[in-house]
Amino acid sequence: MDHGKKRSINKNIQNWLSDLLNTMDEVLDDETKTKLMAGCGKGCYNRFKFKRDIGAYGHRDMKKLIEAFKNNFEKSLEMV
């Protein structure tokens, strides 16, 4: 897939998410929005092993959690 097509797809996703969030603000009560966003966050967390690994390493220890996020971020930068 060429770079221009990727950019177009990303822009479409950004627009769709913006419309979704605006609509949620207009039509949903705070409790429902919270449940919806929490469910999405949980799904994302469970979908990616590296996120579960960060959570497991930093469980009940804020310093370890920050260290795990930092290490993951640095590895991501190395891939760029």
PDB file of N, CA and C in Angstrom:
ATOM      1  N   MET A   1       0.860  -1.184   0.000  1.00  0.00           N
ATOM      2  CA  MET A   1       0.000   0.000   0.000  1.00  0.00           C
ATOM      3  C   MET A   1       0.900   1.239   0.000  1.00  0.00           C
ATOM      4  N   ASP A   2       0.605   2.181  -0.881  1.00  0.00           N
ATOM      5  CA  ASP A   2       1.448   3.363  -0.961  1.00  0.00           C
ATOM      6  C   ASP A   2       1.156   4.337   0.183  1.00  0.00           C
ATOM      7  N   HIS A   3       2.097   5.246   0.386  1.00  0.00           N
ATOM      8  CA  HIS A   3       2.030   6.188   1.513  1.00  0.00           C
ATOM      9  C   HIS A   3       0.792   7.081   1.454  1.00  0.00           C
ATOM     10  N   GLY A   4       0.426   7.530   0.255  1.00  0.00           N
ATOM     11  CA  GLY A   4      -0.747   8.402   0.101  1.00  0.00           C
ATOM     12  C   GLY A   4      -2.033   7.696   0.484  1.00  0.00           C
ATOM     13  N   LYS A   5      -2.151   6.425   0.112  1.00  0.00           N
ATOM     14  CA  LYS A   5      -3.349   5.656   0.446  1.00  0.00           C
ATOM     15  C   LYS A   5      -3.433   5.425   1.962  1.00  0.00           C
ATOM     16  N   LYS A   6      -2.278   5.132   2.598  1.00  0.00           N
ATOM     17  CA  LYS A   6      -2.252   4.952   4.054  1.00  0.00           C
ATOM     18  C   LYS A   6      -2.702   6.230   4.756  1.00  0.00           C
ATOM     19  N   ARG A   7      -2.210   7.358   4.268  1.00  0.00           N
ATOM     20  CA  ARG A   7      -2.583   8.650   4.853  1.00  0.00           C
ATOM     21  C   ARG A   7      -4.076   8.893   4.724  1.00  0.00           C
ATOM     22  N   SER A   8      -4.633   8.539   3.575  1.00  0.00           N
ATOM     23  CA  SER A   8      -6.068   8.709   3.339  1.00  0.00           C
ATOM     24  C   SER A   8      -6.893   7.827   4.271  1.00  0.00           C
ATOM     25  N   ILE A   9      -6.450   6.581   4.435  1.00  0.00           N
ATOM     26  CA  ILE A   9      -7.158   5.669   5.341  1.00  0.00           C
ATOM     27  C   ILE A   9      -7.075   6.192   6.772  1.00  0.00           C
ATOM     28  N   ASN A  10      -5.882   6.640   7.185  1.00  0.00           N
ATOM     29  CA  ASN A  10      -5.733   7.179   8.540  1.00  0.00           C
ATOM     30  C   ASN A  10      -6.621   8.396   8.763  1.00  0.00           C
ATOM     31  N   LYS A  11      -6.721   9.264   7.762  1.00  0.00           N
ATOM     32  CA  LYS A  11      -7.571  10.453   7.874  1.00  0.00           C
ATOM     33  C   LYS A  11      -9.037  10.043   7.991  1.00  0.00           C
ATOM     34  N   ASN A  12      -9.454   9.041   7.224  1.00  0.00           N
ATOM     35  CA  ASN A  12     -10.837   8.555   7.314  1.00  0.00           C
ATOM     36  C   ASN A  12     -11.130   7.985   8.699  1.00  0.00           C
ATOM     37  N   ILE A  13     -10.174   7.250   9.253  1.00  0.00           N
ATOM     38  CA  ILE A  13     -10.348   6.695  10.597  1.00  0.00           C
ATOM     39  C   ILE A  13     -10.437   7.823  11.627  1.00  0.00           C
ATOM     40  N   GLN A  14      -9.570   8.811  11.512  1.00  0.00           N
ATOM     41  CA  GLN A  14      -9.605   9.952  12.435  1.00  0.00           C
ATOM     42  C   GLN A  14     -10.939  10.684  12.352  1.00  0.00           C
ATOM     43  N   ASN A  15     -11.425  10.893  11.142  1.00  0.00           N
ATOM     44  CA  ASN A  15     -12.720  11.576  10.971  1.00  0.00           C
ATOM     45  C   ASN A  15     -13.851  10.763  11.584  1.00  0.00           C
ATOM     46  N   TRP A  16     -13.843   9.452  11.340  1.00  0.00           N
ATOM     47  CA  TRP A  16     -14.895   8.587  11.872  1.00  0.00           C
ATOM     48  C   TRP A  16     -14.866   8.596  13.393  1.00  0.00           C
ATOM     49  N   LEU A  17     -13.682   8.503  13.972  1.00  0.00           N
ATOM     50  CA  LEU A  17     -13.579   8.531  15.437  1.00  0.00           C
ATOM     51  C   LEU A  17     -14.036   9.867  16.007  1.00  0.00           C
ATOM     52  N   SER A  18     -13.709  10.935  15.336  1.00  0.00           N
ATOM     53  CA  SER A  18     -14.151  12.255  15.774  1.00  0.00           C
ATOM     54  C   SER A  18     -15.674  12.348  15.752  1.00  0.00           C
ATOM     55  N   ASP A  19     -16.284  11.856  14.674  1.00  0.00           N
ATOM     56  CA  ASP A  19     -17.748  11.845  14.582  1.00  0.00           C
ATOM     57  C   ASP A  19     -18.356  10.981  15.685  1.00  0.00           C
ATOM     58  N   LEU A  20     -17.750   9.817  15.928  1.00  0.00           N
ATOM     59  CA  LEU A  20     -18.244   8.926  16.977  1.00  0.00           C
ATOM     60  C   LEU A  20     -18.199   9.600  18.343  1.00  0.00           C
ATOM     61  N   LEU A  21     -17.064  10.187  18.682  1.00  0.00           N
ATOM     62  CA  LEU A  21     -16.921  10.823  19.997  1.00  0.00           C
ATOM     63  C   LEU A  21     -17.861  12.017  20.141  1.00  0.00           C
ATOM     64  N   ASN A  22     -18.021  12.801  19.087  1.00  0.00           N
ATOM     65  CA  ASN A  22     -18.954  13.933  19.140  1.00  0.00           C
ATOM     66  C   ASN A  22     -20.391  13.446  19.343  1.00  0.00           C
ATOM     67  N   THR A  23     -20.756  12.386  18.632  1.00  0.00           N
ATOM     68  CA  THR A  23     -22.103  11.837  18.774  1.00  0.00           C
ATOM     69  C   THR A  23     -22.315  11.268  20.164  1.00  0.00           C
ATOM     70  N   MET A  24     -21.304  10.579  20.685  1.00  0.00           N
ATOM     71  CA  MET A  24     -21.409  10.057  22.053  1.00  0.00           C
ATOM     72  C   MET A  24     -21.668  11.189  23.043  1.00  0.00           C
ATOM     73  N   ASP A  25     -20.948  12.300  22.880  1.00  0.00           N
ATOM     74  CA  ASP A  25     -21.135  13.455  23.772  1.00  0.00           C
ATOM     75  C   ASP A  25     -22.544  14.028  23.658  1.00  0.00           C
ATOM     76  N   GLU A  26     -23.100  13.987  22.454  1.00  0.00           N
ATOM     77  CA  GLU A  26     -24.427  14.558  22.227  1.00  0.00           C
ATOM     78  C   GLU A  26     -25.559  13.680  22.733  1.00  0.00           C
ATOM     79  N   VAL A  27     -25.410  12.350  22.636  1.00  0.00           N
ATOM     80  CA  VAL A  27     -26.578  11.494  22.882  1.00  0.00           C
ATOM     81  C   VAL A  27     -26.462  10.547  24.075  1.00  0.00           C
ATOM     82  N   LEU A  28     -25.269  10.359  24.616  1.00  0.00           N
ATOM     83  CA  LEU A  28     -25.121   9.405  25.718  1.00  0.00           C
ATOM     84  C   LEU A  28     -24.907  10.108  27.052  1.00  0.00           C
ATOM     85  N   ASP A  29     -25.443   9.513  28.101  1.00  0.00           N
ATOM     86  CA  ASP A  29     -25.183  10.035  29.436  1.00  0.00           C
ATOM     87  C   ASP A  29     -23.767   9.625  29.852  1.00  0.00           C
ATOM     88  N   ASP A  30     -23.234  10.273  30.872  1.00  0.00           N
ATOM     89  CA  ASP A  30     -21.854  10.037  31.287  1.00  0.00           C
ATOM     90  C   ASP A  30     -21.597   8.589  31.693  1.00  0.00           C
ATOM     91  N   GLU A  31     -22.546   7.966  32.367  1.00  0.00           N
ATOM     92  CA  GLU A  31     -22.354   6.579  32.806  1.00  0.00           C
ATOM     93  C   GLU A  31     -22.209   5.640  31.611  1.00  0.00           C
ATOM     94  N   THR A  32     -23.039   5.824  30.599  1.00  0.00           N
ATOM     95  CA  THR A  32     -22.977   4.980  29.407  1.00  0.00           C
ATOM     96  C   THR A  32     -21.687   5.227  28.643  1.00  0.00           C
ATOM     97  N   LYS A  33     -21.267   6.499  28.504  1.00  0.00           N
ATOM     98  CA  LYS A  33     -20.009   6.809  27.828  1.00  0.00           C
ATOM     99  C   LYS A  33     -18.837   6.153  28.552  1.00  0.00           C
ATOM    100  N   THR A  34     -18.860   6.206  29.871  1.00  0.00           N
ATOM    101  CA  THR A  34     -17.782   5.605  30.659  1.00  0.00           C
ATOM    102  C   THR A  34     -17.713   4.103  30.439  1.00  0.00           C
ATOM    103  N   LYS A  35     -18.864   3.437  30.440  1.00  0.00           N
ATOM    104  CA  LYS A  35     -18.894   1.988  30.209  1.00  0.00           C
ATOM    105  C   LYS A  35     -18.389   1.644  28.816  1.00  0.00           C
ATOM    106  N   LEU A  36     -18.793   2.422  27.826  1.00  0.00           N
ATOM    107  CA  LEU A  36     -18.381   2.181  26.449  1.00  0.00           C
ATOM    108  C   LEU A  36     -16.872   2.356  26.292  1.00  0.00           C
ATOM    109  N   MET A  37     -16.339   3.445  26.815  1.00  0.00           N
ATOM    110  CA  MET A  37     -14.905   3.700  26.700  1.00  0.00           C
ATOM    111  C   MET A  37     -14.091   2.682  27.498  1.00  0.00           C
ATOM    112  N   ALA A  38     -14.585   2.284  28.665  1.00  0.00           N
ATOM    113  CA  ALA A  38     -13.895   1.270  29.470  1.00  0.00           C
ATOM    114  C   ALA A  38     -13.848  -0.058  28.725  1.00  0.00           C
ATOM    115  N   GLY A  39     -14.944  -0.418  28.075  1.00  0.00           N
ATOM    116  CA  GLY A  39     -14.974  -1.654  27.305  1.00  0.00           C
ATOM    117  C   GLY A  39     -13.992  -1.625  26.145  1.00  0.00           C
ATOM    118  N   CYS A  40     -13.888  -0.492  25.473  1.00  0.00           N
ATOM    119  CA  CYS A  40     -12.927  -0.352  24.373  1.00  0.00           C
ATOM    120  C   CYS A  40     -11.492  -0.448  24.901  1.00  0.00           C
ATOM    121  N   GLY A  41     -11.240   0.200  26.023  1.00  0.00           N
ATOM    122  CA  GLY A  41      -9.904   0.141  26.622  1.00  0.00           C
ATOM    123  C   GLY A  41      -9.529  -1.267  27.035  1.00  0.00           C
ATOM    124  N   LYS A  42     -10.470  -1.971  27.612  1.00  0.00           N
ATOM    125  CA  LYS A  42     -10.223  -3.351  28.031  1.00  0.00           C
ATOM    126  C   LYS A  42      -9.939  -4.233  26.819  1.00  0.00           C
ATOM    127  N   GLY A  43     -10.710  -4.040  25.753  1.00  0.00           N
ATOM    128  CA  GLY A  43     -10.485  -4.819  24.535  1.00  0.00           C
ATOM    129  C   GLY A  43      -9.106  -4.569  23.952  1.00  0.00           C
ATOM    130  N   CYS A  44      -8.686  -3.324  23.918  1.00  0.00           N
ATOM    131  CA  CYS A  44      -7.369  -2.963  23.392  1.00  0.00           C
ATOM    132  C   CYS A  44      -6.268  -3.574  24.256  1.00  0.00           C
ATOM    133  N   TYR A  45      -6.429  -3.484  25.555  1.00  0.00           N
ATOM    134  CA  TYR A  45      -5.457  -4.050  26.497  1.00  0.00           C
ATOM    135  C   TYR A  45      -5.328  -5.554  26.282  1.00  0.00           C
ATOM    136  N   ASN A  46      -6.439  -6.238  26.146  1.00  0.00           N
ATOM    137  CA  ASN A  46      -6.419  -7.698  25.987  1.00  0.00           C
ATOM    138  C   ASN A  46      -5.953  -8.136  24.603  1.00  0.00           C
ATOM    139  N   ARG A  47      -6.084  -7.289  23.604  1.00  0.00           N
ATOM    140  CA  ARG A  47      -5.726  -7.633  22.231  1.00  0.00           C
ATOM    141  C   ARG A  47      -4.211  -7.700  22.043  1.00  0.00           C
ATOM    142  N   PHE A  48      -3.478  -6.904  22.798  1.00  0.00           N
ATOM    143  CA  PHE A  48      -2.038  -6.778  22.578  1.00  0.00           C
ATOM    144  C   PHE A  48      -1.252  -7.286  23.780  1.00  0.00           C
ATOM    145  N   LYS A  49      -0.446  -8.324  23.549  1.00  0.00           N
ATOM    146  CA  LYS A  49       0.318  -8.940  24.632  1.00  0.00           C
ATOM    147  C   LYS A  49       1.258  -7.937  25.301  1.00  0.00           C
ATOM    148  N   PHE A  50       1.895  -7.049  24.526  1.00  0.00           N
ATOM    149  CA  PHE A  50       2.847  -6.123  25.123  1.00  0.00           C
ATOM    150  C   PHE A  50       2.176  -5.225  26.171  1.00  0.00           C
ATOM    151  N   LYS A  51       0.902  -4.919  25.985  1.00  0.00           N
ATOM    152  CA  LYS A  51       0.193  -4.103  26.973  1.00  0.00           C
ATOM    153  C   LYS A  51      -0.050  -4.901  28.248  1.00  0.00           C
ATOM    154  N   ARG A  52      -0.405  -6.173  28.090  1.00  0.00           N
ATOM    155  CA  ARG A  52      -0.588  -7.030  29.267  1.00  0.00           C
ATOM    156  C   ARG A  52       0.736  -7.229  29.993  1.00  0.00           C
ATOM    157  N   ASP A  53       1.831  -7.333  29.229  1.00  0.00           N
ATOM    158  CA  ASP A  53       3.157  -7.483  29.835  1.00  0.00           C
ATOM    159  C   ASP A  53       3.527  -6.245  30.655  1.00  0.00           C
ATOM    160  N   ILE A  54       3.234  -5.069  30.116  1.00  0.00           N
ATOM    161  CA  ILE A  54       3.495  -3.824  30.855  1.00  0.00           C
ATOM    162  C   ILE A  54       2.698  -3.822  32.154  1.00  0.00           C
ATOM    163  N   GLY A  55       1.420  -4.172  32.062  1.00  0.00           N
ATOM    164  CA  GLY A  55       0.568  -4.204  33.252  1.00  0.00           C
ATOM    165  C   GLY A  55       1.040  -5.215  34.281  1.00  0.00           C
ATOM    166  N   ALA A  56       1.455  -6.379  33.816  1.00  0.00           N
ATOM    167  CA  ALA A  56       1.915  -7.420  34.740  1.00  0.00           C
ATOM    168  C   ALA A  56       3.207  -6.995  35.429  1.00  0.00           C
ATOM    169  N   TYR A  57       4.136  -6.410  34.677  1.00  0.00           N
ATOM    170  CA  TYR A  57       5.407  -5.992  35.259  1.00  0.00           C
ATOM    171  C   TYR A  57       5.204  -4.885  36.294  1.00  0.00           C
ATOM    172  N   GLY A  58       4.288  -3.969  36.011  1.00  0.00           N
ATOM    173  CA  GLY A  58       4.083  -2.829  36.901  1.00  0.00           C
ATOM    174  C   GLY A  58       2.957  -3.005  37.899  1.00  0.00           C
ATOM    175  N   HIS A  59       2.426  -4.212  38.016  1.00  0.00           N
ATOM    176  CA  HIS A  59       1.285  -4.457  38.913  1.00  0.00           C
ATOM    177  C   HIS A  59       1.594  -4.011  40.341  1.00  0.00           C
ATOM    178  N   ARG A  60       0.776  -3.081  40.836  1.00  0.00           N
ATOM    179  CA  ARG A  60       0.861  -2.565  42.211  1.00  0.00           C
ATOM    180  C   ARG A  60       2.188  -1.878  42.544  1.00  0.00           C
ATOM    181  N   ASP A  61       2.895  -1.436  41.514  1.00  0.00           N
ATOM    182  CA  ASP A  61       4.173  -0.746  41.737  1.00  0.00           C
ATOM    183  C   ASP A  61       4.329   0.332  40.666  1.00  0.00           C
ATOM    184  N   MET A  62       4.043   1.569  41.018  1.00  0.00           N
ATOM    185  CA  MET A  62       4.047   2.670  40.059  1.00  0.00           C
ATOM    186  C   MET A  62       5.409   2.864  39.410  1.00  0.00           C
ATOM    187  N   LYS A  63       6.490   2.713  40.178  1.00  0.00           N
ATOM    188  CA  LYS A  63       7.827   2.878  39.594  1.00  0.00           C
ATOM    189  C   LYS A  63       8.089   1.826  38.522  1.00  0.00           C
ATOM    190  N   LYS A  64       7.704   0.585  38.790  1.00  0.00           N
ATOM    191  CA  LYS A  64       7.886  -0.476  37.799  1.00  0.00           C
ATOM    192  C   LYS A  64       6.990  -0.241  36.581  1.00  0.00           C
ATOM    193  N   LEU A  65       5.780   0.240  36.808  1.00  0.00           N
ATOM    194  CA  LEU A  65       4.871   0.521  35.702  1.00  0.00           C
ATOM    195  C   LEU A  65       5.467   1.590  34.787  1.00  0.00           C
ATOM    196  N   ILE A  66       5.976   2.655  35.367  1.00  0.00           N
ATOM    197  CA  ILE A  66       6.600   3.731  34.585  1.00  0.00           C
ATOM    198  C   ILE A  66       7.819   3.201  33.841  1.00  0.00           C
ATOM    199  N   GLU A  67       8.605   2.360  34.504  1.00  0.00           N
ATOM    200  CA  GLU A  67       9.779   1.752  33.858  1.00  0.00           C
ATOM    201  C   GLU A  67       9.358   0.899  32.659  1.00  0.00           C
ATOM    202  N   ALA A  68       8.302   0.123  32.823  1.00  0.00           N
ATOM    203  CA  ALA A  68       7.827  -0.735  31.726  1.00  0.00           C
ATOM    204  C   ALA A  68       7.347   0.106  30.546  1.00  0.00           C
ATOM    205  N   PHE A  69       6.603   1.178  30.822  1.00  0.00           N
ATOM    206  CA  PHE A  69       6.154   2.061  29.734  1.00  0.00           C
ATOM    207  C   PHE A  69       7.358   2.694  29.037  1.00  0.00           C
ATOM    208  N   LYS A  70       8.330   3.149  29.826  1.00  0.00           N
ATOM    209  CA  LYS A  70       9.522   3.788  29.265  1.00  0.00           C
ATOM    210  C   LYS A  70      10.285   2.805  28.373  1.00  0.00           C
ATOM    211  N   ASN A  71      10.496   1.588  28.855  1.00  0.00           N
ATOM    212  CA  ASN A  71      11.207   0.586  28.057  1.00  0.00           C
ATOM    213  C   ASN A  71      10.472   0.288  26.762  1.00  0.00           C
ATOM    214  N   ASN A  72       9.149   0.156  26.816  1.00  0.00           N
ATOM    215  CA  ASN A  72       8.372  -0.112  25.621  1.00  0.00           C
ATOM    216  C   ASN A  72       8.460   1.063  24.643  1.00  0.00           C
ATOM    217  N   PHE A  73       8.388   2.280  25.158  1.00  0.00           N
ATOM    218  CA  PHE A  73       8.450   3.462  24.318  1.00  0.00           C
ATOM    219  C   PHE A  73       9.805   3.540  23.617  1.00  0.00           C
ATOM    220  N   GLU A  74      10.881   3.262  24.375  1.00  0.00           N
ATOM    221  CA  GLU A  74      12.222   3.316  23.788  1.00  0.00           C
ATOM    222  C   GLU A  74      12.384   2.263  22.695  1.00  0.00           C
ATOM    223  N   LYS A  75      11.829   1.058  22.900  1.00  0.00           N
ATOM    224  CA  LYS A  75      11.890   0.025  21.867  1.00  0.00           C
ATOM    225  C   LYS A  75      11.129   0.465  20.628  1.00  0.00           C
ATOM    226  N   SER A  76       9.981   1.138  20.832  1.00  0.00           N
ATOM    227  CA  SER A  76       9.200   1.624  19.694  1.00  0.00           C
ATOM    228  C   SER A  76       9.985   2.655  18.893  1.00  0.00           C
ATOM    229  N   LEU A  77      10.711   3.521  19.590  1.00  0.00           N
ATOM    230  CA  LEU A  77      11.509   4.543  18.900  1.00  0.00           C
ATOM    231  C   LEU A  77      12.634   3.914  18.092  1.00  0.00           C
ATOM    232  N   GLU A  78      13.179   2.806  18.585  1.00  0.00           N
ATOM    233  CA  GLU A  78      14.261   2.128  17.867  1.00  0.00           C
ATOM    234  C   GLU A  78      13.780   1.579  16.533  1.00  0.00           C
ATOM    235  N   MET A  79      12.508   1.245  16.441  1.00  0.00           N
ATOM    236  CA  MET A  79      11.955   0.667  15.212  1.00  0.00           C
ATOM    237  C   MET A  79      11.659   1.731  14.159  1.00  0.00           C
ATOM    238  N   VAL A  80      11.664   2.998  14.549  1.00  0.00           N
ATOM    239  CA  VAL A  80      11.334   4.082  13.608  1.00  0.00           C
ATOM    240  C   VAL A  80      12.526   4.417  12.758  1.00  0.00           C
TER     241      VAL A  80
END
